[in-house]
Amino acid sequence: MGLNNYFDFAENDYQFFNKSYAMGIKAPAQAALGQSICER
């Protein structure tokens, strides 16, 4: 996946967020990831 535009970056962040959640990464780390994604 090339990161050529905003949608590509957003989709990459979303996929990372979902995989992290599925692997059990929650609490402060997940909150920080979500905030970072929203701020972009």
PDB file of N, CA and C in Angstrom:
ATOM      1  N   MET A   1       0.849  -1.179   0.000  1.00  0.00           N
ATOM      2  CA  MET A   1       0.000   0.000   0.000  1.00  0.00           C
ATOM      3  C   MET A   1       0.888   1.234   0.000  1.00  0.00           C
ATOM      4  N   GLY A   2       0.708   2.069  -0.983  1.00  0.00           N
ATOM      5  CA  GLY A   2       1.447   3.317  -1.006  1.00  0.00           C
ATOM      6  C   GLY A   2       0.728   4.375  -0.190  1.00  0.00           C
ATOM      7  N   LEU A   3       1.487   5.155   0.529  1.00  0.00           N
ATOM      8  CA  LEU A   3       0.889   6.215   1.347  1.00  0.00           C
ATOM      9  C   LEU A   3       1.006   7.526   0.587  1.00  0.00           C
ATOM     10  N   ASN A   4       0.133   7.675  -0.411  1.00  0.00           N
ATOM     11  CA  ASN A   4       0.230   8.817  -1.313  1.00  0.00           C
ATOM     12  C   ASN A   4      -0.754   9.941  -1.016  1.00  0.00           C
ATOM     13  N   ASN A   5      -1.759   9.674  -0.208  1.00  0.00           N
ATOM     14  CA  ASN A   5      -2.751  10.712   0.066  1.00  0.00           C
ATOM     15  C   ASN A   5      -3.317  10.529   1.470  1.00  0.00           C
ATOM     16  N   TYR A   6      -4.178  11.442   1.878  1.00  0.00           N
ATOM     17  CA  TYR A   6      -4.726  11.403   3.233  1.00  0.00           C
ATOM     18  C   TYR A   6      -5.484  10.110   3.504  1.00  0.00           C
ATOM     19  N   PHE A   7      -6.273   9.653   2.543  1.00  0.00           N
ATOM     20  CA  PHE A   7      -7.041   8.423   2.748  1.00  0.00           C
ATOM     21  C   PHE A   7      -6.118   7.244   3.027  1.00  0.00           C
ATOM     22  N   ASP A   8      -5.017   7.143   2.307  1.00  0.00           N
ATOM     23  CA  ASP A   8      -4.073   6.049   2.523  1.00  0.00           C
ATOM     24  C   ASP A   8      -3.507   6.076   3.946  1.00  0.00           C
ATOM     25  N   PHE A   9      -3.118   7.267   4.403  1.00  0.00           N
ATOM     26  CA  PHE A   9      -2.602   7.390   5.765  1.00  0.00           C
ATOM     27  C   PHE A   9      -3.678   7.032   6.790  1.00  0.00           C
ATOM     28  N   ALA A  10      -4.884   7.536   6.588  1.00  0.00           N
ATOM     29  CA  ALA A  10      -5.977   7.275   7.516  1.00  0.00           C
ATOM     30  C   ALA A  10      -6.318   5.785   7.543  1.00  0.00           C
ATOM     31  N   GLU A  11      -6.366   5.156   6.402  1.00  0.00           N
ATOM     32  CA  GLU A  11      -6.677   3.726   6.332  1.00  0.00           C
ATOM     33  C   GLU A  11      -5.584   2.908   7.008  1.00  0.00           C
ATOM     34  N   ASN A  12      -4.337   3.283   6.807  1.00  0.00           N
ATOM     35  CA  ASN A  12      -3.229   2.596   7.450  1.00  0.00           C
ATOM     36  C   ASN A  12      -3.340   2.702   8.973  1.00  0.00           C
ATOM     37  N   ASP A  13      -3.640   3.895   9.475  1.00  0.00           N
ATOM     38  CA  ASP A  13      -3.812   4.088  10.916  1.00  0.00           C
ATOM     39  C   ASP A  13      -4.985   3.268  11.443  1.00  0.00           C
ATOM     40  N   TYR A  14      -6.075   3.255  10.710  1.00  0.00           N
ATOM     41  CA  TYR A  14      -7.266   2.515  11.121  1.00  0.00           C
ATOM     42  C   TYR A  14      -6.971   1.016  11.208  1.00  0.00           C
ATOM     43  N   GLN A  15      -6.287   0.494  10.212  1.00  0.00           N
ATOM     44  CA  GLN A  15      -5.947  -0.930  10.217  1.00  0.00           C
ATOM     45  C   GLN A  15      -5.020  -1.261  11.391  1.00  0.00           C
ATOM     46  N   PHE A  16      -4.056  -0.388  11.656  1.00  0.00           N
ATOM     47  CA  PHE A  16      -3.147  -0.590  12.783  1.00  0.00           C
ATOM     48  C   PHE A  16      -3.919  -0.573  14.099  1.00  0.00           C
ATOM     49  N   PHE A  17      -4.841   0.372  14.229  1.00  0.00           N
ATOM     50  CA  PHE A  17      -5.677   0.489  15.429  1.00  0.00           C
ATOM     51  C   PHE A  17      -6.477  -0.793  15.650  1.00  0.00           C
ATOM     52  N   ASN A  18      -7.116  -1.281  14.596  1.00  0.00           N
ATOM     53  CA  ASN A  18      -7.926  -2.501  14.705  1.00  0.00           C
ATOM     54  C   ASN A  18      -7.086  -3.723  15.045  1.00  0.00           C
ATOM     55  N   LYS A  19      -5.933  -3.865  14.424  1.00  0.00           N
ATOM     56  CA  LYS A  19      -5.075  -5.023  14.708  1.00  0.00           C
ATOM     57  C   LYS A  19      -4.533  -4.960  16.129  1.00  0.00           C
ATOM     58  N   SER A  20      -4.196  -3.769  16.577  1.00  0.00           N
ATOM     59  CA  SER A  20      -3.718  -3.614  17.958  1.00  0.00           C
ATOM     60  C   SER A  20      -4.805  -4.023  18.940  1.00  0.00           C
ATOM     61  N   TYR A  21      -6.024  -3.590  18.694  1.00  0.00           N
ATOM     62  CA  TYR A  21      -7.149  -3.931  19.566  1.00  0.00           C
ATOM     63  C   TYR A  21      -7.382  -5.439  19.571  1.00  0.00           C
ATOM     64  N   ALA A  22      -7.327  -6.037  18.393  1.00  0.00           N
ATOM     65  CA  ALA A  22      -7.544  -7.481  18.280  1.00  0.00           C
ATOM     66  C   ALA A  22      -6.465  -8.275  19.014  1.00  0.00           C
ATOM     67  N   MET A  23      -5.265  -7.716  19.103  1.00  0.00           N
ATOM     68  CA  MET A  23      -4.165  -8.386  19.794  1.00  0.00           C
ATOM     69  C   MET A  23      -4.209  -8.149  21.298  1.00  0.00           C
ATOM     70  N   GLY A  24      -5.171  -7.350  21.770  1.00  0.00           N
ATOM     71  CA  GLY A  24      -5.323  -7.143  23.196  1.00  0.00           C
ATOM     72  C   GLY A  24      -4.652  -5.897  23.741  1.00  0.00           C
ATOM     73  N   ILE A  25      -4.177  -5.022  22.870  1.00  0.00           N
ATOM     74  CA  ILE A  25      -3.570  -3.775  23.329  1.00  0.00           C
ATOM     75  C   ILE A  25      -4.694  -2.796  23.596  1.00  0.00           C
ATOM     76  N   LYS A  26      -4.888  -2.494  24.864  1.00  0.00           N
ATOM     77  CA  LYS A  26      -6.001  -1.626  25.244  1.00  0.00           C
ATOM     78  C   LYS A  26      -5.521  -0.620  26.277  1.00  0.00           C
ATOM     79  N   ALA A  27      -6.454   0.083  26.867  1.00  0.00           N
ATOM     80  CA  ALA A  27      -6.180   1.063  27.932  1.00  0.00           C
ATOM     81  C   ALA A  27      -5.397   2.263  27.396  1.00  0.00           C
ATOM     82  N   PRO A  28      -4.398   2.757  28.107  1.00  0.00           N
ATOM     83  CA  PRO A  28      -3.739   4.014  27.709  1.00  0.00           C
ATOM     84  C   PRO A  28      -3.129   3.982  26.304  1.00  0.00           C
ATOM     85  N   ALA A  29      -2.536   2.862  25.943  1.00  0.00           N
ATOM     86  CA  ALA A  29      -1.906   2.787  24.621  1.00  0.00           C
ATOM     87  C   ALA A  29      -2.942   2.940  23.507  1.00  0.00           C
ATOM     88  N   GLN A  30      -4.079   2.277  23.652  1.00  0.00           N
ATOM     89  CA  GLN A  30      -5.127   2.360  22.627  1.00  0.00           C
ATOM     90  C   GLN A  30      -5.723   3.767  22.584  1.00  0.00           C
ATOM     91  N   ALA A  31      -5.878   4.387  23.733  1.00  0.00           N
ATOM     92  CA  ALA A  31      -6.404   5.750  23.773  1.00  0.00           C
ATOM     93  C   ALA A  31      -5.454   6.710  23.065  1.00  0.00           C
ATOM     94  N   ALA A  32      -4.175   6.548  23.270  1.00  0.00           N
ATOM     95  CA  ALA A  32      -3.183   7.406  22.618  1.00  0.00           C
ATOM     96  C   ALA A  32      -3.198   7.205  21.109  1.00  0.00           C
ATOM     97  N   LEU A  33      -3.327   5.957  20.669  1.00  0.00           N
ATOM     98  CA  LEU A  33      -3.406   5.686  19.225  1.00  0.00           C
ATOM     99  C   LEU A  33      -4.639   6.355  18.620  1.00  0.00           C
ATOM    100  N   GLY A  34      -5.775   6.197  19.282  1.00  0.00           N
ATOM    101  CA  GLY A  34      -7.013   6.794  18.777  1.00  0.00           C
ATOM    102  C   GLY A  34      -6.937   8.294  18.706  1.00  0.00           C
ATOM    103  N   GLN A  35      -6.361   8.921  19.719  1.00  0.00           N
ATOM    104  CA  GLN A  35      -6.231  10.371  19.714  1.00  0.00           C
ATOM    105  C   GLN A  35      -5.319  10.826  18.590  1.00  0.00           C
ATOM    106  N   SER A  36      -4.229  10.127  18.402  1.00  0.00           N
ATOM    107  CA  SER A  36      -3.285  10.474  17.329  1.00  0.00           C
ATOM    108  C   SER A  36      -3.960  10.391  15.966  1.00  0.00           C
ATOM    109  N   ILE A  37      -4.750   9.345  15.754  1.00  0.00           N
ATOM    110  CA  ILE A  37      -5.449   9.158  14.485  1.00  0.00           C
ATOM    111  C   ILE A  37      -6.436  10.307  14.264  1.00  0.00           C
ATOM    112  N   CYS A  38      -7.185  10.661  15.310  1.00  0.00           N
ATOM    113  CA  CYS A  38      -8.195  11.724  15.187  1.00  0.00           C
ATOM    114  C   CYS A  38      -7.576  13.095  14.947  1.00  0.00           C
ATOM    115  N   GLU A  39      -6.393  13.322  15.494  1.00  0.00           N
ATOM    116  CA  GLU A  39      -5.761  14.628  15.345  1.00  0.00           C
ATOM    117  C   GLU A  39      -5.209  14.863  13.945  1.00  0.00           C
ATOM    118  N   ARG A  40      -5.012  13.803  13.212  1.00  0.00           N
ATOM    119  CA  ARG A  40      -4.492  13.970  11.854  1.00  0.00           C
ATOM    120  C   ARG A  40      -5.603  14.392  10.983  1.00  0.00           C
TER     121      ARG A  40
END
